[in-house]
Structure formats: C-alpha cells, structure tokens
Protein backbone atom coordinates (compact mmCIF):
# COMPACT_ATOMS: atom_id res chain seq x y z
CA UNK A 1 0.00 0.00 0.00
CA UNK A 2 1.99 3.02 -1.26
CA UNK A 3 2.54 5.68 1.38
CA UNK A 4 1.10 9.11 0.60
CA UNK A 5 2.17 12.11 2.68
CA UNK A 6 1.41 15.82 2.69
CA UNK A 7 4.20 17.79 1.06
CA UNK A 8 4.61 21.31 2.42
CA UNK A 9 6.17 22.56 -0.82
CA UNK A 10 3.36 21.36 -3.06
CA UNK A 11 0.60 21.93 -0.52
CA UNK A 12 -1.05 18.55 -0.99
CA UNK A 13 -0.95 14.83 -0.29
CA UNK A 14 0.80 12.64 -2.84
CA UNK A 15 2.56 9.29 -2.96
CA UNK A 16 6.17 9.23 -1.76
CA UNK A 17 8.69 8.50 -4.50
CA UNK A 18 10.33 5.28 -3.31
CA UNK A 19 12.47 4.51 -6.33
CA UNK A 20 15.46 5.05 -4.07
CA UNK A 21 19.09 5.85 -4.72
CA UNK A 22 21.71 3.82 -6.55
CA UNK A 23 21.60 1.26 -3.74
CA UNK A 24 17.82 1.03 -3.97
CA UNK A 25 17.36 2.71 -0.60
CA UNK A 26 14.71 5.30 0.24
CA UNK A 27 16.40 8.24 1.95
CA UNK A 28 14.81 9.99 4.93
CA UNK A 29 16.38 12.83 6.88
CA UNK A 30 14.80 14.21 10.05
CA UNK A 31 16.25 17.11 12.01
CA UNK A 32 17.36 16.03 15.47
CA UNK A 33 17.76 17.70 18.82
CA UNK A 34 20.02 20.43 20.14
CA UNK A 35 21.11 18.54 23.26
CA UNK A 36 20.76 21.08 26.04
CA UNK A 37 17.57 19.82 27.70
CA UNK A 38 15.45 16.70 28.12
CA UNK A 39 13.12 15.37 25.43
CA UNK A 40 9.66 16.82 25.92
CA UNK A 41 6.47 15.55 24.39
CA UNK A 42 6.57 18.07 21.55
CA UNK A 43 9.92 16.64 20.45
CA UNK A 44 8.69 13.10 20.95
CA UNK A 45 5.58 13.67 18.81
CA UNK A 46 7.78 14.60 15.86
CA UNK A 47 10.01 11.55 16.18
CA UNK A 48 7.00 9.29 16.72
CA UNK A 49 5.54 10.62 13.47
CA UNK A 50 8.64 9.77 11.48
CA UNK A 51 8.87 6.44 13.26
CA UNK A 52 5.45 5.74 11.71
CA UNK A 53 6.75 6.82 8.30
CA UNK A 54 9.74 4.53 8.74
CA UNK A 55 7.50 1.61 9.73
CA UNK A 56 5.16 2.07 6.75
CA UNK A 57 8.07 2.13 4.32
CA UNK A 58 9.55 -1.00 5.88
CA UNK A 59 6.15 -2.72 5.79
CA UNK A 60 6.02 -2.02 2.07
CA UNK A 61 9.31 -3.86 1.65
CA UNK A 62 11.55 -0.85 1.05
CA UNK A 63 15.13 -0.51 2.19
CA UNK A 64 15.29 2.76 4.10
CA UNK A 65 18.32 4.86 4.94
CA UNK A 66 17.17 7.02 7.84
CA UNK A 67 19.51 9.81 9.01
CA UNK A 68 19.11 12.16 11.95
CA UNK A 69 21.49 14.90 13.00
CA UNK A 70 22.32 16.20 16.46
CA UNK A 71 23.17 19.89 16.69
CA UNK A 72 25.87 19.47 19.32
CA UNK A 73 27.53 22.80 18.48
CA UNK A 74 25.10 25.66 19.04
CA UNK A 75 24.49 28.74 21.18
CA UNK A 76 21.68 27.31 23.37
CA UNK A 77 23.97 24.45 24.38
CA UNK A 78 26.81 26.85 25.25
CA UNK A 79 24.48 29.14 27.19
CA UNK A 80 22.94 26.33 29.23
CA UNK A 81 26.36 24.86 30.02
CA UNK A 82 27.65 28.24 31.18
CA UNK A 83 24.56 28.78 33.31
CA UNK A 84 24.95 25.36 34.96
CA UNK A 85 28.74 25.58 35.28
CA UNK A 86 29.44 22.45 33.24
CA UNK A 87 31.45 21.69 30.13
CA UNK A 88 29.25 22.06 27.04
CA UNK A 89 30.51 18.76 25.65
CA UNK A 90 29.56 16.91 28.84
CA UNK A 91 26.12 18.53 28.87
CA UNK A 92 25.60 17.59 25.23
CA UNK A 93 26.65 13.99 25.78
CA UNK A 94 24.37 13.58 28.80
CA UNK A 95 21.35 14.95 26.94
CA UNK A 96 22.06 12.86 23.84
CA UNK A 97 22.16 9.74 26.02
CA UNK A 98 18.87 10.75 27.65
CA UNK A 99 17.26 11.41 24.27
CA UNK A 100 18.27 8.00 22.95
CA UNK A 101 16.98 6.39 26.13
CA UNK A 102 13.66 8.21 25.71
CA UNK A 103 13.38 7.03 22.11
CA UNK A 104 14.15 3.45 23.16
CA UNK A 105 11.48 3.64 25.87
CA UNK A 106 8.95 4.77 23.23
CA UNK A 107 9.93 1.91 20.87
CA UNK A 108 11.18 4.33 18.22
CA UNK A 109 13.23 2.45 15.63
CA UNK A 110 16.60 4.25 15.63
CA UNK A 111 17.96 5.83 12.45
CA UNK A 112 20.84 4.10 10.76
CA UNK A 113 22.91 7.24 11.32
CA UNK A 114 22.90 9.65 14.25
CA UNK A 115 25.40 12.34 13.18
CA UNK A 116 26.56 15.19 15.39
CA UNK A 117 27.61 18.53 13.96
CA UNK A 118 31.12 17.99 15.34
CA UNK A 119 31.42 14.81 13.27
CA UNK A 120 30.44 16.66 10.12
CA UNK A 121 32.62 19.78 10.33
CA UNK A 122 34.87 18.65 7.46
CA UNK A 123 31.77 18.05 5.32
CA UNK A 124 30.48 21.55 6.09
CA UNK A 125 33.86 23.09 5.30
CA UNK A 126 33.89 21.36 1.93
CA UNK A 127 30.38 22.58 1.11
CA UNK A 128 31.13 26.16 2.17
CA UNK A 129 34.31 26.13 0.10
CA UNK A 130 32.35 24.92 -2.93
CA UNK A 131 29.87 27.77 -2.54
CA UNK A 132 32.75 30.25 -2.25
CA UNK A 133 34.51 28.81 -5.30
CA UNK A 134 31.29 29.09 -7.32
CA UNK A 135 31.04 32.77 -6.40
CA UNK A 136 27.81 32.21 -4.51
CA UNK A 137 28.79 32.64 -0.87
CA UNK A 138 30.33 35.85 0.45
CA UNK A 139 32.24 36.85 3.59
CA UNK A 140 31.70 39.55 6.20
CA UNK A 141 34.24 40.60 8.81
CA UNK A 142 33.00 41.12 12.33
CA UNK A 143 34.24 44.03 14.44
CA UNK A 144 36.33 41.53 16.38
CA UNK A 145 38.07 40.43 13.20
CA UNK A 146 36.15 37.17 12.83
CA UNK A 147 35.21 36.29 9.26
CA UNK A 148 31.67 35.02 8.76
CA UNK A 149 30.45 33.39 5.54
CA UNK A 150 26.92 33.92 4.22
CA UNK A 151 24.75 32.46 1.48
CA UNK A 152 22.52 34.90 -0.41
CA UNK A 153 18.86 34.09 -0.95
CA UNK A 154 19.61 34.53 -4.66
CA UNK A 155 21.80 31.40 -4.59
CA UNK A 156 18.89 29.45 -6.12
CA UNK A 157 16.11 30.65 -8.37
CA UNK A 158 13.57 28.54 -6.48
CA UNK A 159 14.24 29.95 -3.00
CA UNK A 160 10.99 30.04 -1.02
CA UNK A 161 9.34 27.11 -2.80
CA UNK A 162 9.38 24.86 0.24
CA UNK A 163 7.64 27.05 2.81
CA UNK A 164 5.63 29.15 0.32
CA UNK A 165 5.74 32.13 2.68
CA UNK A 166 5.51 35.78 1.68
CA UNK A 167 8.43 38.10 2.29
CA UNK A 168 6.97 39.72 5.42
CA UNK A 169 6.38 36.35 7.09
CA UNK A 170 9.85 35.17 6.13
CA UNK A 171 11.36 38.24 7.79
CA UNK A 172 9.27 37.70 10.92
CA UNK A 173 10.21 34.03 11.26
CA UNK A 174 13.86 34.62 10.37
CA UNK A 175 14.21 37.10 13.23
CA UNK A 176 12.37 34.83 15.67
CA UNK A 177 14.12 31.59 14.74
CA UNK A 178 17.83 32.22 14.94
CA UNK A 179 18.42 34.59 12.03
CA UNK A 180 20.35 37.85 12.11
CA UNK A 181 18.45 40.27 9.85
CA UNK A 182 20.08 43.32 11.45
CA UNK A 183 23.67 42.25 10.69
CA UNK A 184 25.37 45.19 8.94
CA UNK A 185 26.84 44.50 5.52
CA UNK A 186 24.59 41.62 4.49
CA UNK A 187 23.36 41.81 0.93
CA UNK A 188 19.88 40.91 2.06
CA UNK A 189 18.49 40.74 5.61
CA UNK A 190 17.43 37.13 4.94
CA UNK A 191 20.87 35.89 3.87
CA UNK A 192 21.79 32.95 6.10
CA UNK A 193 24.99 32.22 7.98
CA UNK A 194 27.07 29.35 6.61
CA UNK A 195 30.12 29.64 8.84
CA UNK A 196 30.58 31.63 12.04
CA UNK A 197 34.10 32.95 12.41
CA UNK A 198 35.89 32.28 15.66
CA UNK A 199 35.01 34.46 18.65
CA UNK A 200 36.75 34.30 22.02
CA UNK A 201 35.27 31.67 24.28
CA UNK A 202 33.66 29.69 21.46
CA UNK A 203 34.83 26.38 19.99
CA UNK A 204 36.39 26.58 16.55
CA UNK A 205 37.69 24.36 13.77
CA UNK A 206 40.20 25.21 11.10
CA UNK A 207 39.04 26.00 7.58
CA UNK A 208 40.71 27.53 4.48
CA UNK A 209 38.46 30.58 4.82
CA UNK A 210 39.14 31.08 8.53
CA UNK A 211 38.61 29.16 11.76
CA UNK A 212 35.11 28.97 13.18
CA UNK A 213 32.10 26.68 13.39
CA UNK A 214 29.23 25.56 11.15
CA UNK A 215 26.03 27.46 10.67
CA UNK A 216 22.85 25.64 11.63
CA UNK A 217 21.26 25.20 8.19
CA UNK A 218 24.29 24.00 6.28
CA UNK A 219 24.99 21.46 9.02
CA UNK A 220 21.88 19.59 7.91
CA UNK A 221 22.64 20.14 4.22
CA UNK A 222 26.02 18.50 4.58
CA UNK A 223 24.95 15.64 6.84
CA UNK A 224 21.96 14.74 4.66
CA UNK A 225 23.55 14.91 1.21
CA UNK A 226 26.76 13.16 2.21
CA UNK A 227 24.74 10.13 3.31
CA UNK A 228 21.62 10.15 1.19
CA UNK A 229 22.80 11.78 -2.03
CA UNK A 230 22.08 15.16 -3.56
CA UNK A 231 18.38 14.32 -3.76
CA UNK A 232 16.39 11.97 -1.54
CA UNK A 233 12.82 11.10 -0.62
CA UNK A 234 11.88 12.84 2.63
CA UNK A 235 13.11 15.72 4.75
CA UNK A 236 11.15 16.12 7.96
CA UNK A 237 10.75 17.91 11.25
CA UNK A 238 8.43 20.14 13.23
CA UNK A 239 6.40 22.82 11.47
CA UNK A 240 8.53 25.52 13.10
CA UNK A 241 11.48 24.24 11.04
CA UNK A 242 9.87 24.76 7.62
CA UNK A 243 11.26 28.29 7.61
CA UNK A 244 13.97 29.25 7.90
CA UNK A 245 15.76 26.00 8.69
CA UNK A 246 14.45 23.60 6.06
CA UNK A 247 14.14 26.29 3.41
CA UNK A 248 17.79 27.22 3.80
CA UNK A 249 19.19 23.73 4.27
CA UNK A 250 17.55 22.77 0.98
CA UNK A 251 18.74 25.94 -0.74
CA UNK A 252 22.35 25.41 0.39
CA UNK A 253 22.35 21.85 -0.97
CA UNK A 254 20.64 22.84 -4.21
CA UNK A 255 23.13 25.66 -4.81
CA UNK A 256 26.08 23.38 -4.05
CA UNK A 257 25.03 20.52 -6.29
CA UNK A 258 22.99 22.35 -8.96
CA UNK A 259 19.79 20.43 -8.30
CA UNK A 260 16.27 21.84 -8.37
CA UNK A 261 14.95 20.10 -5.27
CA UNK A 262 16.79 18.44 -2.40
CA UNK A 263 13.89 16.30 -1.13
CA UNK A 264 10.92 14.79 -2.90
CA UNK A 265 8.74 15.41 0.16
CA UNK A 266 9.03 18.06 2.87
CA UNK A 267 6.99 16.73 5.78
CA UNK A 268 6.20 18.75 8.91
CA UNK A 269 4.47 17.93 12.17
CA UNK A 270 2.16 20.17 14.19
CA UNK A 271 2.96 21.67 17.58
CA UNK A 272 1.87 20.12 20.89
CA UNK A 273 0.20 22.14 23.65
CA UNK A 274 -0.47 21.15 27.26
CA UNK A 275 -4.06 21.69 28.36
CA UNK A 276 -4.55 24.26 25.62
CA UNK A 277 -1.31 26.20 26.24
CA UNK A 278 1.70 25.88 23.93
CA UNK A 279 4.54 24.03 25.60
CA UNK A 280 7.51 26.29 26.25
CA UNK A 281 10.47 26.49 28.58
CA UNK A 282 9.52 30.02 29.64
CA UNK A 283 6.08 28.87 30.81
CA UNK A 284 7.51 25.82 32.54
CA UNK A 285 4.78 23.57 31.14
CA UNK A 286 6.93 21.02 29.36
CA UNK A 287 6.00 17.35 29.71
CA UNK A 288 9.14 15.23 29.63
CA UNK A 289 9.15 11.70 28.29
CA UNK A 290 11.38 10.28 31.00
CA UNK A 291 9.17 11.83 33.70
CA UNK A 292 6.07 10.18 32.22
CA UNK A 293 7.93 6.88 32.22
CA UNK A 294 9.08 7.35 35.82
CA UNK A 295 5.46 8.06 36.80
CA UNK A 296 4.55 4.59 35.51
CA UNK A 297 2.80 5.51 32.27
CA UNK A 298 2.99 2.74 29.69
CA UNK A 299 5.10 3.82 26.67
CA UNK A 300 2.53 2.28 24.32
CA UNK A 301 -0.13 4.47 25.92
CA UNK A 302 2.05 7.54 25.36
CA UNK A 303 2.25 6.58 21.68
CA UNK A 304 -1.52 6.14 21.52
CA UNK A 305 -2.08 9.52 23.17
CA UNK A 306 0.08 11.19 20.53
CA UNK A 307 -1.56 9.24 17.70
CA UNK A 308 -5.06 10.19 18.84
CA UNK A 309 -4.64 13.39 16.82
CA UNK A 310 -3.36 13.85 13.26
CA UNK A 311 0.36 14.52 13.01
CA UNK A 312 -0.03 17.71 10.95
CA UNK A 313 -2.43 19.37 13.37
CA UNK A 314 -1.41 21.63 16.22
CA UNK A 315 -3.00 19.67 19.03
CA UNK A 316 -3.39 19.39 22.73
CA UNK A 317 -1.94 16.92 25.20
CA UNK A 318 -3.46 16.42 28.61
CA UNK A 319 -3.19 13.84 31.34
CA UNK A 320 -6.85 13.13 30.67
CA UNK A 321 -5.90 12.19 27.09
CA UNK A 322 -3.17 9.96 28.48
CA UNK A 323 -5.69 8.28 30.80
CA UNK A 324 -7.95 7.66 27.79
CA UNK A 325 -5.01 6.18 25.87
CA UNK A 326 -4.20 3.83 28.74
CA UNK A 327 -7.84 2.71 28.87
CA UNK A 328 -7.75 2.10 25.11
CA UNK A 329 -4.55 0.09 25.47
CA UNK A 330 -6.20 -2.06 28.17
CA UNK A 331 -9.19 -2.75 25.92
CA UNK A 332 -6.91 -3.73 23.05
CA UNK A 333 -4.95 -6.11 25.24
CA UNK A 334 -8.11 -7.69 26.58
CA UNK A 335 -9.31 -8.23 23.01
CA UNK A 336 -6.39 -10.60 22.44
CA UNK A 337 -8.30 -13.25 24.34
CA UNK A 338 -11.02 -13.28 21.68
CA UNK A 339 -9.86 -15.21 18.65
CA UNK A 340 -11.34 -14.51 15.22
CA UNK A 341 -10.94 -16.13 11.84
CA UNK A 342 -7.74 -15.54 9.94
CA UNK A 343 -9.52 -13.95 6.99
CA UNK A 344 -11.26 -11.47 9.27
CA UNK A 345 -7.98 -10.65 11.05
CA UNK A 346 -6.20 -10.02 7.75
CA UNK A 347 -9.07 -7.73 6.74
CA UNK A 348 -8.51 -5.65 9.88
CA UNK A 349 -4.81 -5.40 9.13
CA UNK A 350 -5.50 -4.30 5.55
CA UNK A 351 -7.79 -1.53 6.80
CA UNK A 352 -5.17 -0.45 9.31
CA UNK A 353 -2.47 -0.28 6.64
CA UNK A 354 -4.76 1.62 4.28
CA UNK A 355 -5.51 4.26 6.93
CA UNK A 356 -1.85 4.79 7.71
CA UNK A 357 -0.99 4.94 4.00
CA UNK A 358 -3.37 7.94 3.72
CA UNK A 359 -1.03 10.56 5.18
CA UNK A 360 -0.68 8.66 8.46
CA UNK A 361 -4.36 8.85 9.38
CA UNK A 362 -3.81 7.60 12.91
CA UNK A 363 -7.22 8.82 14.07
CA UNK A 364 -8.93 6.38 11.70
CA UNK A 365 -6.32 3.72 12.37
CA UNK A 366 -7.04 3.72 16.10
CA UNK A 367 -10.78 3.47 15.46
CA UNK A 368 -10.21 0.49 13.18
CA UNK A 369 -8.40 -1.31 15.97
CA UNK A 370 -11.10 -0.24 18.44
CA UNK A 371 -13.66 -2.00 16.27
CA UNK A 372 -11.53 -5.08 15.59
CA UNK A 373 -13.19 -8.22 16.96
CA UNK A 374 -10.07 -9.80 18.46
CA UNK A 375 -6.92 -11.65 17.58
CA UNK A 376 -6.01 -14.73 15.57
CA UNK A 377 -2.57 -16.30 16.05
CA UNK A 378 -1.18 -12.84 16.75
CA UNK A 379 -1.98 -11.44 13.28
CA UNK A 380 -3.63 -8.25 14.52
CA UNK A 381 -1.31 -7.85 17.51
CA UNK A 382 1.77 -8.23 15.32
CA UNK A 383 0.42 -5.64 12.89
CA UNK A 384 -0.31 -3.17 15.68
CA UNK A 385 3.21 -3.64 16.99
CA UNK A 386 4.88 -3.41 13.59
CA UNK A 387 2.85 -0.54 12.13
CA UNK A 388 2.02 1.53 15.22
CA UNK A 389 4.80 0.50 17.59
CA UNK A 390 2.17 -0.34 20.22
CA UNK A 391 2.86 -3.53 22.13
CA UNK A 392 -0.09 -5.63 23.19
CA UNK A 393 1.83 -8.52 24.74
C-alpha cells in the first residue's frame, strides 16, 4: 500500500517516490535535537511521526536509509552549560544519552545514522568552500576580526518554494528563529549564515576561509547529502522548522550541487500544547518523556495519546488524554483473548495499513483497531506492533 504524505512545498498529499538511490534505498532525513535539555512531548511527537513513516516504508518492503542529525555545536547548548557551570561537551553527551533512552522507551526504531555537527565539520567546510569557489557565498568581517560566511537568498532561483511564505512572514520568522536580519553589511536581511568565524570563548575548527564553526542550516545540508545523495525522498521535522531552517538547508544543498529540489517530500508535524497552552520552557509547562515513564505511564499508551490526533495538526496533550489512551490500550490487550478467523484478522490489518498509508491517518487507524473483533494467532497484535509500535503482549 503506497505511502502518501502531505508535502509542504506542493501543498497537498501525494505518494512518496520510493524509487530510491543507486543502492535502492529510500532516503529519509529528520532534524534532530540540540542537546541542552530533556526530550519533551513536543519533540517526541515529531520523532514518533517519522517512526510511523519509517514503519510504513519498511512494511512495504523498502530498504530505508534514515539519518538524523544532532546539533551538538550551538548557542543554546553553550548558554545552558555556562549557566549550569558544566562543560558544554559533557552537557551535550548527557542529553544525547537521555534522548536516545527516551526514544528506546517509546519503541522508536533508531535511524541508521545519528550524526553530530562535530562529526560533520569537514563536510560543512567542503560545502562552504564549494559555494565560495562558485562565487555564490560571500564573507563579512565582524568588528572583532572574525570572518563570517553567508549564502545569499539569490543562490537558487527557487528559493521560497518549500515554505511558500511571503516576504513579510519570512522576515518575521527569520528574526524569531535564529536569524540575524540586522547584521550590517549583508546583501539581504534574509541571507543565512554558513560559517561563524571564531570568537573568544567559542569552539572553533580550522578551515581555508578562517577558523570557526558551522552554521545551523548547512549542518543539515552536509549531513543529509553526504549520506543520502544530492536528492532523496523525505526531509522532515516540526512545522517551526519549515522556515527558515528547512528552506535554507535545501537551498544550500541545491546551490552546491545544482539540483532543483533536495527532497521529494518536505513533511512537517504540528505543535503540541499542554491543556490548551503551547509548551515552552519560559512557561515551565513542558511534559518530559522520561518523567512520564518514571510516573509509571505505559510507553505504548504515550504513543496512543500522541496518535489520537493527526500529526499535521497543532494539538493538545493532557493527562486526561493519556488516561484515555491507557484505557484504550487495556481494551486492546483484553481483546487478544477473543480469537477470530484468519480472513477477518487479515481484513482488519488491511484496513489499518490503508488508513496509515493515507497521510498517516492515525485517528482512523485507532478506530479500526477499536472496532476489531479480536486476535487470531497474533496477526492483529503483530500488525499493531509493527505498524504503530504499540505492544499488546
């Protein structure tokens, strides 16, 4: 059952191109964490969504090369480490370990490659140098003498195709989401940083164009294309990454390799609120995965609570919803005692697969299982485990 997903660039649902690369593998790249804090439910909802994508592709018999980065060189990490009086590398390592533990608890199938920014510095340097050699990138000297490298928004003719935002909205989001529109000397306020020249107190790596560290967007460009090829099937993440992060990471890759489109699908998940209020560190209303686990909540119930809404919708999480998910999980497990005919069980599985193939329609998928009559030789239970990651036994 071919998987169809909503593509942000095209603004509609269409079948994922699974022809694969030269090795016959379907490439999927999902932006990972900046490891300065624990995994909250908003993060988890994104990775649970792409775990579903991964599972549907595998169920269809595809070989999948799944890559996820870790932004282990970034200002929020440095700031948190300085605040807490710890080494930023130690803080990053501890939070990466916690994130992986959280994903294991939630039965998320791990990517083939977890790649940190520090591992990919040489790849970023090579990409930045290519953009400089092509006359695309340009440099700006900071007052301290540091040399920063920027990519102009004119680097590709198709810039803006992924997010489809107007200029005013781009400027608003760029300023809110890590951009530097006020930087003097930039050719355009929206031009994005490729390489940050070395400042005192910051880590730095050597490069032909001056020591420094990678910019955020090109980090993902380099990590993705060096493992999946210059074009691949899916780039994914939260909806807040569509612009500027995904727009620029695609543009940097497209300018480097002279391709029209880095990913066949750009897939974005909605935001998660707690009891109607957006989760944020400033409000202190984050729900952490490891805390839910410590409180005794079944990981399969956490998955069901997330899947009770559609992945693209901004939606609410509440402990009431988690209670409902746990009650649903209990009903499903009790249904295992009621055996049904094999033909009927296979029919349930086919309906389940069809719902998930329609842009991960988990709302319908859960109702299909609710209405399933029972289990036969584990057919339905195995499908629920394999397709939804929900364990009934």
